[in-house]
C-alpha atoms as a PDB file:
ATOM      1  CA  MET A   1       3.988  15.968  -5.310  1.00  0.00           C
ATOM      2  CA  ALA A   2       5.143  19.468  -3.608  1.00  0.00           C
ATOM      3  CA  VAL A   3       3.728  22.136  -1.363  1.00  0.00           C
ATOM      4  CA  LEU A   4       2.177  24.962  -3.654  1.00  0.00           C
ATOM      5  CA  THR A   5      -1.094  25.463  -1.389  1.00  0.00           C
ATOM      6  CA  GLN A   6      -0.010  26.477   2.264  1.00  0.00           C
ATOM      7  CA  LEU A   7      -2.455  24.546   4.639  1.00  0.00           C
ATOM      8  CA  GLY A   8      -2.069  25.478   8.066  1.00  0.00           C
ATOM      9  CA  ASP A   9      -2.518  23.569  11.116  1.00  0.00           C
ATOM     10  CA  GLU A  10      -6.324  24.356  12.140  1.00  0.00           C
ATOM     11  CA  GLU A  11      -6.935  23.480   8.099  1.00  0.00           C
ATOM     12  CA  LEU A  12      -5.273  20.009   8.473  1.00  0.00           C
ATOM     13  CA  ARG A  13      -6.786  19.303  11.513  1.00  0.00           C
ATOM     14  CA  ALA A  14     -10.547  20.269   9.759  1.00  0.00           C
ATOM     15  CA  ILE A  15      -9.342  17.912   6.489  1.00  0.00           C
ATOM     16  CA  ALA A  16      -8.741  14.927   8.708  1.00  0.00           C
ATOM     17  CA  ALA A  17     -12.018  15.725  10.466  1.00  0.00           C
ATOM     18  CA  ILE A  18     -14.113  14.764   7.153  1.00  0.00           C
ATOM     19  CA  TYR A  19     -12.367  11.109   6.903  1.00  0.00           C
ATOM     20  CA  GLY A  20     -13.556  10.724  10.269  1.00  0.00           C
ATOM     21  CA  LEU A  21      -9.876  11.287  11.979  1.00  0.00           C
ATOM     22  CA  SER A  22      -8.352  13.583  14.888  1.00  0.00           C
ATOM     23  CA  LEU A  23      -5.017  15.028  13.994  1.00  0.00           C
ATOM     24  CA  ARG A  24      -1.973  14.706  16.191  1.00  0.00           C
ATOM     25  CA  SER A  25       0.783  15.386  13.510  1.00  0.00           C
ATOM     26  CA  ALA A  26       1.627  16.455   9.985  1.00  0.00           C
ATOM     27  CA  ARG A  27       4.122  17.361   7.577  1.00  0.00           C
ATOM     28  CA  PRO A  28       4.644  18.477   4.343  1.00  0.00           C
ATOM     29  CA  VAL A  29       5.618  16.270   1.474  1.00  0.00           C
ATOM     30  CA  LEU A  30       8.023  17.968  -0.385  1.00  0.00           C
ATOM     31  CA  ALA A  31       8.491  16.293  -4.166  1.00  0.00           C
ATOM     32  CA  GLY A  32       7.232  16.918  -7.044  1.00  0.00           C
ATOM     33  CA  SER A  33       5.079  19.142  -9.405  1.00  0.00           C
ATOM     34  CA  VAL A  34       1.143  19.555  -9.629  1.00  0.00           C
ATOM     35  CA  ASN A  35      -0.586  18.900  -6.202  1.00  0.00           C
ATOM     36  CA  THR A  36       0.010  19.852  -2.621  1.00  0.00           C
ATOM     37  CA  ASN A  37       0.678  16.694   0.051  1.00  0.00           C
ATOM     38  CA  HIS A  38       1.176  16.132   3.645  1.00  0.00           C
ATOM     39  CA  GLU A  39       1.877  13.150   5.485  1.00  0.00           C
ATOM     40  CA  LEU A  40      -0.847  13.071   8.739  1.00  0.00           C
ATOM     41  CA  VAL A  41      -0.779  10.971  11.395  1.00  0.00           C
ATOM     42  CA  ASP A  42      -3.911  10.644  13.419  1.00  0.00           C
ATOM     43  CA  SER A  43      -4.529  10.413  17.584  1.00  0.00           C
ATOM     44  CA  ASP A  44      -4.316   6.497  17.060  1.00  0.00           C
ATOM     45  CA  GLY A  45      -0.568   6.490  15.216  1.00  0.00           C
ATOM     46  CA  GLY A  46      -1.984   6.280  11.773  1.00  0.00           C
ATOM     47  CA  ARG A  47      -0.004   7.302   9.100  1.00  0.00           C
ATOM     48  CA  TRP A  48      -1.795   8.729   5.881  1.00  0.00           C
ATOM     49  CA  PHE A  49      -1.139  10.668   2.513  1.00  0.00           C
ATOM     50  CA  LEU A  50      -2.948  13.985   1.591  1.00  0.00           C
ATOM     51  CA  ARG A  51      -3.093  15.043  -1.354  1.00  0.00           C
ATOM     52  CA  LEU A  52      -4.740  18.256  -2.119  1.00  0.00           C
ATOM     53  CA  TYR A  53      -5.170  18.423  -6.560  1.00  0.00           C
ATOM     54  CA  GLU A  54      -3.926  21.936  -7.682  1.00  0.00           C
ATOM     55  CA  GLU A  55      -5.061  20.964 -11.569  1.00  0.00           C
ATOM     56  CA  GLN A  56      -7.704  18.384 -11.696  1.00  0.00           C
ATOM     57  CA  GLY A  57     -11.274  19.354 -10.821  1.00  0.00           C
ATOM     58  CA  ALA A  58     -13.431  16.820  -8.599  1.00  0.00           C
ATOM     59  CA  ALA A  59     -14.900  14.521 -11.669  1.00  0.00           C
ATOM     60  CA  GLY A  60     -10.810  13.660 -11.923  1.00  0.00           C
ATOM     61  CA  ALA A  61      -9.533  13.059  -8.610  1.00  0.00           C
ATOM     62  CA  ARG A  62     -12.913  11.377  -8.073  1.00  0.00           C
ATOM     63  CA  ARG A  63     -12.178   8.841 -11.151  1.00  0.00           C
ATOM     64  CA  GLU A  64      -8.613   8.342  -9.927  1.00  0.00           C
ATOM     65  CA  CYS A  65      -9.518   6.971  -6.877  1.00  0.00           C
ATOM     66  CA  ALA A  66     -12.008   4.929  -8.023  1.00  0.00           C
ATOM     67  CA  LEU A  67      -9.218   3.221 -10.701  1.00  0.00           C
ATOM     68  CA  VAL A  68      -7.017   3.020  -8.344  1.00  0.00           C
ATOM     69  CA  ARG A  69      -9.566   1.019  -5.965  1.00  0.00           C
ATOM     70  CA  ARG A  70     -10.351  -0.668  -8.604  1.00  0.00           C
ATOM     71  CA  LEU A  71      -6.234  -1.808  -9.483  1.00  0.00           C
ATOM     72  CA  ALA A  72      -5.756  -2.859  -5.629  1.00  0.00           C
ATOM     73  CA  GLU A  73      -8.681  -5.133  -6.046  1.00  0.00           C
ATOM     74  CA  GLY A  74      -7.119  -6.038  -8.848  1.00  0.00           C
ATOM     75  CA  GLY A  75      -3.951  -7.197  -6.835  1.00  0.00           C
ATOM     76  CA  VAL A  76      -1.856  -4.169  -8.200  1.00  0.00           C
ATOM     77  CA  PRO A  77      -0.005  -3.165  -5.231  1.00  0.00           C
ATOM     78  CA  THR A  78      -1.591   0.406  -4.617  1.00  0.00           C
ATOM     79  CA  PRO A  79      -3.245   1.734  -1.569  1.00  0.00           C
ATOM     80  CA  ALA A  80      -6.875   2.322  -2.107  1.00  0.00           C
ATOM     81  CA  PRO A  81      -8.166   5.747  -1.082  1.00  0.00           C
ATOM     82  CA  LYS A  82      -9.875   6.275   2.315  1.00  0.00           C
ATOM     83  CA  SER A  83     -13.659   6.804   1.988  1.00  0.00           C
ATOM     84  CA  ARG A  84     -15.451   9.050   3.748  1.00  0.00           C
ATOM     85  CA  PRO A  85     -17.530   8.356   6.869  1.00  0.00           C
ATOM     86  CA  ASP A  86     -20.636   9.913   6.165  1.00  0.00           C
ATOM     87  CA  GLY A  87     -20.816   8.425   3.253  1.00  0.00           C
ATOM     88  CA  GLY A  88     -19.576  11.028   0.406  1.00  0.00           C
ATOM     89  CA  GLY A  89     -16.905   8.483  -1.045  1.00  0.00           C
ATOM     90  CA  PRO A  90     -13.251   9.181  -1.288  1.00  0.00           C
ATOM     91  CA  ILE A  91     -13.148  12.787  -2.637  1.00  0.00           C
ATOM     92  CA  ALA A  92     -14.114  16.169  -0.402  1.00  0.00           C
ATOM     93  CA  THR A  93     -13.196  19.459  -1.739  1.00  0.00           C
ATOM     94  CA  TRP A  94     -11.132  22.206   0.784  1.00  0.00           C
ATOM     95  CA  ASN A  95     -11.835  25.773  -0.614  1.00  0.00           C
ATOM     96  CA  GLY A  96     -12.937  25.151  -4.067  1.00  0.00           C
ATOM     97  CA  LYS A  97     -10.095  22.213  -4.210  1.00  0.00           C
ATOM     98  CA  ALA A  98     -10.470  18.101  -4.235  1.00  0.00           C
ATOM     99  CA  VAL A  99      -8.341  16.044  -1.698  1.00  0.00           C
ATOM    100  CA  ALA A 100      -8.191  12.706  -1.217  1.00  0.00           C
ATOM    101  CA  LEU A 101      -6.797  10.414   1.513  1.00  0.00           C
ATOM    102  CA  TYR A 102      -4.378   7.038   1.306  1.00  0.00           C
ATOM    103  CA  PRO A 103      -2.746   4.866   3.686  1.00  0.00           C
ATOM    104  CA  PHE A 104       0.681   6.001   3.866  1.00  0.00           C
ATOM    105  CA  VAL A 105       3.335   3.284   2.427  1.00  0.00           C
ATOM    106  CA  GLU A 106       6.252   2.067   4.301  1.00  0.00           C
ATOM    107  CA  GLY A 107       8.686   1.385   1.666  1.00  0.00           C
ATOM    108  CA  GLU A 108      11.952   3.562   0.582  1.00  0.00           C
ATOM    109  CA  HIS A 109      12.297   5.116  -3.531  1.00  0.00           C
ATOM    110  CA  LEU A 110      15.592   4.127  -4.664  1.00  0.00           C
ATOM    111  CA  CYS A 111      18.416   6.604  -6.254  1.00  0.00           C
ATOM    112  CA  GLN A 112      19.637   6.280  -9.815  1.00  0.00           C
ATOM    113  CA  ALA A 113      22.698   4.652  -8.301  1.00  0.00           C
ATOM    114  CA  ARG A 114      20.793   1.929  -6.817  1.00  0.00           C
ATOM    115  CA  VAL A 115      18.845   0.833  -9.379  1.00  0.00           C
ATOM    116  CA  ARG A 116      19.882  -2.708 -10.566  1.00  0.00           C
ATOM    117  CA  PRO A 117      18.596  -5.232 -13.291  1.00  0.00           C
ATOM    118  CA  GLU A 118      16.502  -7.104 -10.539  1.00  0.00           C
ATOM    119  CA  HIS A 119      14.614  -3.899  -9.818  1.00  0.00           C
ATOM    120  CA  THR A 120      13.762  -2.644 -13.623  1.00  0.00           C
ATOM    121  CA  ALA A 121      12.230  -6.301 -13.890  1.00  0.00           C
ATOM    122  CA  THR A 122      10.457  -5.867 -11.119  1.00  0.00           C
ATOM    123  CA  VAL A 123       9.019  -2.397 -12.105  1.00  0.00           C
ATOM    124  CA  GLY A 124       8.324  -3.463 -16.063  1.00  0.00           C
ATOM    125  CA  ALA A 125       6.700  -6.892 -14.543  1.00  0.00           C
ATOM    126  CA  ALA A 126       4.110  -4.238 -12.064  1.00  0.00           C
ATOM    127  CA  LEU A 127       3.640  -2.135 -15.264  1.00  0.00           C
ATOM    128  CA  ALA A 128       2.534  -5.270 -17.093  1.00  0.00           C
ATOM    129  CA  ARG A 129       0.040  -6.399 -14.187  1.00  0.00           C
ATOM    130  CA  ILE A 130      -1.428  -2.472 -14.855  1.00  0.00           C
ATOM    131  CA  HIS A 131      -1.578  -2.729 -18.494  1.00  0.00           C
ATOM    132  CA  LEU A 132      -3.058  -6.705 -18.020  1.00  0.00           C
ATOM    133  CA  LEU A 133      -6.120  -5.875 -15.992  1.00  0.00           C
ATOM    134  CA  GLY A 134      -7.021  -2.581 -17.871  1.00  0.00           C
ATOM    135  CA  GLU A 135      -7.189  -5.180 -21.060  1.00  0.00           C
ATOM    136  CA  GLY A 136      -9.934  -7.251 -18.501  1.00  0.00           C
ATOM    137  CA  LEU A 137     -12.469  -4.458 -17.817  1.00  0.00           C
ATOM    138  CA  GLY A 138     -15.627  -4.361 -19.210  1.00  0.00           C
ATOM    139  CA  PRO A 139     -16.717  -1.475 -21.346  1.00  0.00           C
ATOM    140  CA  GLU A 140     -18.662   0.290 -18.652  1.00  0.00           C
ATOM    141  CA  GLU A 141     -15.605   0.406 -16.028  1.00  0.00           C
ATOM    142  CA  ARG A 142     -13.252   1.680 -18.777  1.00  0.00           C
ATOM    143  CA  SER A 143     -15.350   4.716 -19.973  1.00  0.00           C
ATOM    144  CA  GLU A 144     -15.833   5.478 -15.574  1.00  0.00           C
ATOM    145  CA  LEU A 145     -11.903   4.710 -15.154  1.00  0.00           C
ATOM    146  CA  THR A 146     -10.358   6.450 -17.747  1.00  0.00           C
ATOM    147  CA  ALA A 147     -10.472   9.420 -20.107  1.00  0.00           C
ATOM    148  CA  PRO A 148      -7.923  10.376 -22.732  1.00  0.00           C
ATOM    149  CA  SER A 149      -4.714  11.792 -21.958  1.00  0.00           C
ATOM    150  CA  ARG A 150      -4.579  15.152 -20.716  1.00  0.00           C
ATOM    151  CA  PHE A 151      -0.853  15.178 -22.380  1.00  0.00           C
ATOM    152  CA  SER A 152      -1.756  14.622 -26.048  1.00  0.00           C
ATOM    153  CA  GLU A 153       0.683  15.898 -28.127  1.00  0.00           C
ATOM    154  CA  ARG A 154      -1.988  18.701 -29.197  1.00  0.00           C
ATOM    155  CA  ALA A 155      -1.856  19.761 -25.573  1.00  0.00           C
ATOM    156  CA  LEU A 156       2.011  19.762 -25.453  1.00  0.00           C
ATOM    157  CA  LEU A 157       2.299  21.885 -28.857  1.00  0.00           C
ATOM    158  CA  SER A 158      -0.165  24.077 -27.093  1.00  0.00           C
ATOM    159  CA  ARG A 159       2.027  24.700 -24.142  1.00  0.00           C
ATOM    160  CA  LEU A 160       5.359  24.955 -26.642  1.00  0.00           C
ATOM    161  CA  VAL A 161       3.522  27.926 -28.525  1.00  0.00           C
ATOM    162  CA  GLY A 162       2.866  29.396 -25.161  1.00  0.00           C
ATOM    163  CA  VAL A 163       6.232  29.244 -23.773  1.00  0.00           C
ATOM    164  CA  LEU A 164       7.419  30.863 -27.373  1.00  0.00           C
ATOM    165  CA  GLU A 165       5.136  33.576 -26.911  1.00  0.00           C
ATOM    166  CA  GLY A 166       6.122  34.654 -23.593  1.00  0.00           C
ATOM    167  CA  PRO A 167       9.293  36.229 -22.147  1.00  0.00           C
ATOM    168  CA  ALA A 168      10.947  33.321 -21.701  1.00  0.00           C
ATOM    169  CA  PRO A 169      15.133  32.652 -21.618  1.00  0.00           C
ATOM    170  CA  PRO A 170      16.739  32.821 -24.965  1.00  0.00           C
ATOM    171  CA  GLU A 171      18.352  28.999 -24.125  1.00  0.00           C
ATOM    172  CA  VAL A 172      14.337  28.065 -22.985  1.00  0.00           C
ATOM    173  CA  HIS A 173      13.228  29.987 -25.960  1.00  0.00           C
ATOM    174  CA  ALA A 174      15.908  27.932 -28.367  1.00  0.00           C
ATOM    175  CA  ASP A 175      14.616  24.969 -26.870  1.00  0.00           C
ATOM    176  CA  ALA A 176      11.084  24.750 -27.250  1.00  0.00           C
ATOM    177  CA  ALA A 177      11.187  25.505 -30.763  1.00  0.00           C
ATOM    178  CA  ARG A 178      13.241  22.290 -30.990  1.00  0.00           C
ATOM    179  CA  ILE A 179      10.840  20.292 -28.846  1.00  0.00           C
ATOM    180  CA  LEU A 180       8.121  21.812 -31.088  1.00  0.00           C
ATOM    181  CA  ALA A 181       9.791  20.671 -34.263  1.00  0.00           C
ATOM    182  CA  ARG A 182      10.667  17.050 -33.310  1.00  0.00           C
ATOM    183  CA  LEU A 183       6.877  17.065 -32.014  1.00  0.00           C
ATOM    184  CA  GLU A 184       4.838  18.266 -35.107  1.00  0.00           C
ATOM    185  CA  PRO A 185       5.232  15.066 -36.905  1.00  0.00           C
ATOM    186  CA  LEU A 186       4.362  13.224 -34.115  1.00  0.00           C
ATOM    187  CA  ALA A 187       1.051  15.291 -33.452  1.00  0.00           C
ATOM    188  CA  SER A 188      -0.139  14.820 -37.498  1.00  0.00           C
ATOM    189  CA  SER A 189       0.538  10.835 -37.640  1.00  0.00           C
ATOM    190  CA  PRO A 190      -1.488   8.380 -35.984  1.00  0.00           C
ATOM    191  CA  ASP A 191       0.026   6.261 -33.365  1.00  0.00           C
ATOM    192  CA  PRO A 192       0.185   2.580 -34.884  1.00  0.00           C
ATOM    193  CA  ALA A 193       0.134   0.892 -31.348  1.00  0.00           C
ATOM    194  CA  PRO A 194      -3.562  -0.068 -30.381  1.00  0.00           C
ATOM    195  CA  GLU A 195      -4.364   2.111 -27.596  1.00  0.00           C
ATOM    196  CA  LEU A 196      -5.234   0.491 -23.895  1.00  0.00           C
ATOM    197  CA  PRO A 197      -7.773   1.167 -21.444  1.00  0.00           C
ATOM    198  CA  VAL A 198      -5.191   1.955 -18.723  1.00  0.00           C
ATOM    199  CA  VAL A 199      -1.531   3.650 -18.517  1.00  0.00           C
ATOM    200  CA  HIS A 200       0.378   4.667 -15.616  1.00  0.00           C
ATOM    201  CA  GLY A 201       2.126   7.389 -17.526  1.00  0.00           C
ATOM    202  CA  ASP A 202       4.293   8.421 -14.772  1.00  0.00           C
ATOM    203  CA  LEU A 203       6.036   5.398 -13.229  1.00  0.00           C
ATOM    204  CA  PHE A 204       9.088   7.183 -12.102  1.00  0.00           C
ATOM    205  CA  ARG A 205      11.363   6.347  -9.134  1.00  0.00           C
ATOM    206  CA  ASP A 206       9.369   8.671  -6.939  1.00  0.00           C
ATOM    207  CA  ASN A 207       5.825   7.008  -7.652  1.00  0.00           C
ATOM    208  CA  VAL A 208       7.476   3.476  -6.942  1.00  0.00           C
ATOM    209  CA  LEU A 209       7.796   2.240  -3.378  1.00  0.00           C
ATOM    210  CA  PHE A 210      10.095  -1.088  -2.560  1.00  0.00           C
ATOM    211  CA  GLU A 211      10.572  -2.452   0.957  1.00  0.00           C
ATOM    212  CA  PRO A 212      14.393  -3.186   2.797  1.00  0.00           C
ATOM    213  CA  SER A 213      14.218  -6.972   1.336  1.00  0.00           C
ATOM    214  CA  GLY A 214      13.929  -5.738  -2.700  1.00  0.00           C
ATOM    215  CA  ALA A 215      10.521  -6.581  -2.710  1.00  0.00           C
ATOM    216  CA  LEU A 216       7.927  -4.628  -4.225  1.00  0.00           C
ATOM    217  CA  ALA A 217       5.972  -2.319  -1.912  1.00  0.00           C
ATOM    218  CA  ALA A 218       3.744   0.035  -3.642  1.00  0.00           C
ATOM    219  CA  LEU A 219       2.786   1.425  -7.096  1.00  0.00           C
ATOM    220  CA  LEU A 220       1.746   5.002  -6.589  1.00  0.00           C
ATOM    221  CA  ASP A 221       0.418   8.644  -8.025  1.00  0.00           C
ATOM    222  CA  PHE A 222      -2.317   7.678 -10.455  1.00  0.00           C
ATOM    223  CA  GLU A 223      -2.658  10.968 -11.515  1.00  0.00           C
ATOM    224  CA  SER A 224      -1.978  10.772 -14.988  1.00  0.00           C
ATOM    225  CA  ALA A 225      -3.325   7.451 -15.661  1.00  0.00           C
ATOM    226  CA  SER A 226      -5.304   7.668 -18.500  1.00  0.00           C
ATOM    227  CA  ARG A 227      -6.098   5.464 -21.987  1.00  0.00           C
ATOM    228  CA  GLY A 228      -2.800   5.212 -23.891  1.00  0.00           C
ATOM    229  CA  THR A 229      -1.004   2.920 -25.562  1.00  0.00           C
ATOM    230  CA  ALA A 230       1.629   0.444 -23.732  1.00  0.00           C
ATOM    231  CA  SER A 231       4.611   1.155 -26.132  1.00  0.00           C
ATOM    232  CA  PHE A 232       4.389   5.180 -24.555  1.00  0.00           C
ATOM    233  CA  ASP A 233       3.861   3.772 -21.022  1.00  0.00           C
ATOM    234  CA  VAL A 234       7.028   1.481 -21.000  1.00  0.00           C
ATOM    235  CA  ALA A 235       9.147   3.934 -23.194  1.00  0.00           C
ATOM    236  CA  VAL A 236       8.615   6.465 -20.157  1.00  0.00           C
ATOM    237  CA  THR A 237       9.274   3.724 -17.166  1.00  0.00           C
ATOM    238  CA  VAL A 238      12.291   2.577 -19.287  1.00  0.00           C
ATOM    239  CA  LEU A 239      13.469   5.993 -19.546  1.00  0.00           C
ATOM    240  CA  ALA A 240      12.730   6.947 -16.363  1.00  0.00           C
ATOM    241  CA  TRP A 241      14.266   3.967 -14.564  1.00  0.00           C
ATOM    242  CA  CYS A 242      17.683   3.026 -16.842  1.00  0.00           C
ATOM    243  CA  PHE A 243      18.866   6.395 -17.713  1.00  0.00           C
ATOM    244  CA  GLY A 244      21.600   8.099 -15.143  1.00  0.00           C
ATOM    245  CA  SER A 245      24.250  10.288 -16.750  1.00  0.00           C
ATOM    246  CA  GLU A 246      24.045   7.830 -19.657  1.00  0.00           C
ATOM    247  CA  LEU A 247      21.326   4.761 -21.170  1.00  0.00           C
ATOM    248  CA  GLU A 248      22.334   1.521 -19.364  1.00  0.00           C
ATOM    249  CA  LEU A 249      21.030  -1.273 -21.687  1.00  0.00           C
ATOM    250  CA  GLU A 250      21.560  -4.331 -18.755  1.00  0.00           C
ATOM    251  CA  LEU A 251      18.857  -1.916 -16.701  1.00  0.00           C
ATOM    252  CA  VAL A 252      16.678  -2.106 -19.884  1.00  0.00           C
ATOM    253  CA  ARG A 253      16.969  -5.755 -20.589  1.00  0.00           C
ATOM    254  CA  GLY A 254      16.019  -5.834 -17.210  1.00  0.00           C
ATOM    255  CA  PHE A 255      12.869  -4.346 -17.512  1.00  0.00           C
ATOM    256  CA  PHE A 256      12.178  -6.091 -20.973  1.00  0.00           C
ATOM    257  CA  GLY A 257      12.362  -9.468 -19.370  1.00  0.00           C
ATOM    258  CA  GLY A 258      10.403  -8.441 -16.051  1.00  0.00           C
ATOM    259  CA  TYR A 259       7.051  -6.939 -18.597  1.00  0.00           C
ATOM    260  CA  ALA A 260       8.053  -9.879 -21.098  1.00  0.00           C
ATOM    261  CA  GLY A 261       7.495 -12.501 -17.827  1.00  0.00           C
ATOM    262  CA  VAL A 262       3.680 -11.103 -17.117  1.00  0.00           C
ATOM    263  CA  ARG A 263       2.436  -9.547 -20.394  1.00  0.00           C
ATOM    264  CA  THR A 264       3.622 -10.479 -24.259  1.00  0.00           C
ATOM    265  CA  PRO A 265       4.244  -6.832 -26.379  1.00  0.00           C
ATOM    266  CA  ARG A 266       2.111  -6.982 -28.866  1.00  0.00           C
ATOM    267  CA  PRO A 267       4.216  -6.854 -32.536  1.00  0.00           C
ATOM    268  CA  GLU A 268       2.169  -3.396 -33.406  1.00  0.00           C
ATOM    269  CA  GLU A 269       4.190  -2.122 -29.833  1.00  0.00           C
ATOM    270  CA  LEU A 270       7.258  -3.237 -30.197  1.00  0.00           C
ATOM    271  CA  ALA A 271       6.654  -1.630 -33.668  1.00  0.00           C
ATOM    272  CA  ALA A 272       5.477   1.872 -32.365  1.00  0.00           C
ATOM    273  CA  LEU A 273       8.572   2.063 -29.206  1.00  0.00           C
ATOM    274  CA  PRO A 274      10.656   4.288 -32.181  1.00  0.00           C
ATOM    275  CA  ARG A 275       7.668   6.786 -31.693  1.00  0.00           C
ATOM    276  CA  GLY A 276       6.709   6.286 -28.009  1.00  0.00           C
ATOM    277  CA  LEU A 277      10.335   6.593 -26.773  1.00  0.00           C
ATOM    278  CA  GLU A 278      10.800   9.929 -28.731  1.00  0.00           C
ATOM    279  CA  LEU A 279       7.523  11.027 -27.245  1.00  0.00           C
ATOM    280  CA  ALA A 280       8.227  10.545 -23.776  1.00  0.00           C
ATOM    281  CA  CYS A 281      11.308  12.657 -24.236  1.00  0.00           C
ATOM    282  CA  LEU A 282       8.938  15.076 -26.028  1.00  0.00           C
ATOM    283  CA  ARG A 283       6.264  15.540 -23.494  1.00  0.00           C
ATOM    284  CA  PHE A 284       8.657  15.280 -20.055  1.00  0.00           C
ATOM    285  CA  ALA A 285      10.764  17.798 -21.668  1.00  0.00           C
ATOM    286  CA  THR A 286       7.499  20.163 -22.478  1.00  0.00           C
ATOM    287  CA  THR A 287       6.234  19.817 -19.025  1.00  0.00           C
ATOM    288  CA  ARG A 288       8.990  20.370 -16.922  1.00  0.00           C
ATOM    289  CA  ILE A 289       9.202  23.599 -19.248  1.00  0.00           C
ATOM    290  CA  THR A 290       6.124  24.652 -17.889  1.00  0.00           C
ATOM    291  CA  ASP A 291       6.014  23.185 -14.244  1.00  0.00           C
ATOM    292  CA  TYR A 292       9.337  24.459 -13.235  1.00  0.00           C
ATOM    293  CA  GLU A 293      11.509  26.082 -15.311  1.00  0.00           C
ATOM    294  CA  LEU A 294       8.447  29.263 -16.038  1.00  0.00           C
ATOM    295  CA  ARG A 295       6.504  29.046 -12.666  1.00  0.00           C
ATOM    296  CA  SER A 296       7.485  28.948  -8.878  1.00  0.00           C
ATOM    297  CA  SER A 297       7.672  25.457  -7.981  1.00  0.00           C
ATOM    298  CA  GLY A 298       6.348  26.703  -4.198  1.00  0.00           C
ATOM    299  CA  LEU A 299       7.956  24.515  -1.388  1.00  0.00           C
ATOM    300  CA  GLY A 300       9.317  21.556  -3.495  1.00  0.00           C
ATOM    301  CA  VAL A 301      12.035  20.315  -6.031  1.00  0.00           C
ATOM    302  CA  ARG A 302      13.163  21.994  -9.038  1.00  0.00           C
ATOM    303  CA  LYS A 303      13.342  19.063 -12.381  1.00  0.00           C
ATOM    304  CA  ASP A 304      15.226  20.060 -15.174  1.00  0.00           C
ATOM    305  CA  TYR A 305      13.567  19.718 -18.663  1.00  0.00           C
ATOM    306  CA  ARG A 306      17.580  19.307 -19.877  1.00  0.00           C
ATOM    307  CA  ARG A 307      17.255  15.707 -18.299  1.00  0.00           C
ATOM    308  CA  TRP A 308      15.167  14.711 -20.890  1.00  0.00           C
ATOM    309  CA  LEU A 309      16.730  16.573 -23.928  1.00  0.00           C
ATOM    310  CA  ALA A 310      19.664  14.474 -22.668  1.00  0.00           C
ATOM    311  CA  ARG A 311      17.634  11.638 -23.263  1.00  0.00           C
ATOM    312  CA  LEU A 312      16.271  12.305 -26.428  1.00  0.00           C
ATOM    313  CA  ASP A 313      19.930  12.622 -27.692  1.00  0.00           C
ATOM    314  CA  ALA A 314      20.763   9.567 -26.091  1.00  0.00           C
ATOM    315  CA  LEU A 315      17.918   7.717 -28.118  1.00  0.00           C
ATOM    316  CA  ASP A 316      19.669   9.022 -31.547  1.00  0.00           C
ATOM    317  CA  ARG A 317      22.905   6.405 -29.734  1.00  0.00           C
ATOM    318  CA  HIS A 318      20.950   3.962 -28.147  1.00  0.00           C
ATOM    319  CA  LEU A 319      17.306   3.353 -30.281  1.00  0.00           C
ATOM    320  CA  GLU A 320      18.859   0.349 -32.015  1.00  0.00           C
ATOM    321  CA  ALA A 321      20.180  -1.334 -28.831  1.00  0.00           C
ATOM    322  CA  ILE A 322      16.739  -0.618 -27.136  1.00  0.00           C
ATOM    323  CA  LEU A 323      14.801  -2.183 -30.000  1.00  0.00           C
ATOM    324  CA  GLU A 324      16.430  -5.371 -29.921  1.00  0.00           C
ATOM    325  CA  LEU A 325      16.060  -5.950 -25.991  1.00  0.00           C
ATOM    326  CA  ALA A 326      12.388  -5.383 -26.425  1.00  0.00           C
ATOM    327  CA  ARG A 327      12.158  -7.499 -29.357  1.00  0.00           C
ATOM    328  CA  ALA A 328      14.832 -10.409 -27.764  1.00  0.00           C
ATOM    329  CA  VAL A 329      12.769 -11.293 -24.994  1.00  0.00           C
ATOM    330  CA  PRO A 330       9.075 -12.483 -26.541  1.00  0.00           C
ATOM    331  CA  ALA A 331      11.228 -14.084 -28.728  1.00  0.00           C
ATOM    332  CA  GLU A 332      12.878 -16.133 -26.020  1.00  0.00           C
ATOM    333  CA  ARG A 333       9.855 -16.657 -24.235  1.00  0.00           C
ATOM    334  CA  GLU A 334       7.960 -18.251 -27.289  1.00  0.00           C
ATOM    335  CA  GLU A 335      11.098 -20.834 -27.835  1.00  0.00           C
ATOM    336  CA  VAL A 336      10.946 -22.045 -24.117  1.00  0.00           C
END
């Protein structure tokens, strides 16, 4: 989430009108990297989250909206998109780019210093519900609601080659070469974990809202949702929530306890977790080089790819401890 396309008051007013709303005020939401977002307030005081898709076309945006609506109907705490009153569905087009409008959910994002095991347990349980709901979809729904990830190993390799062939600073070149060397073996070997119909793929702290009571308010931003493996989705979430200056194993324990309380990981998924953890580090190191390091972020924040290389180094020190925690929880459930 960011502001990459400047939208004036008249443009925002016109977009709101497409959804049958009269705009009172608007402000940019300065976060993230790949879309332009604003908070809108309508004439009745209703608050809305406007997303203008910078990378995905109308088909991808439409699929995301359909998936989010299905997840909300299935009990996943996420706001369903608003449909246009003209019957055109939730997606509109503005200057050739897709837009969607969501109810603005009250809640707070947690900074890393405030994250406790009870929070990671809550997030783990929520991720497991997404995976369970996906497994319950019929064949037609699966084909309609998700597609293969845009961030496959081959796609990431292509990005890295572009970095190495371009005018990047020497440090970035060196890090891209390091990432490439770790990624190539993963790209040439199949993932042993079974594919799930729905993974979130991006469940960072800024995509989860909590109520003041500590209860989960909403899961956000399903743009990266796709078909994929639980081992990768779990790995992304663990590394996003359980790493401050170092990996915090009590947070990892909380996550796996919450996840396994809703869905028991399959043996093949646990076996593939080392691959998922390594791939998560390489995926986000790569995309943060291309999304932040080598291009203007517009009005927004910058995220340092080096944080994901630090996670990769931490895995070399803590992988066995993570795997022990992941294996222990399903075993404890079976003994109860």
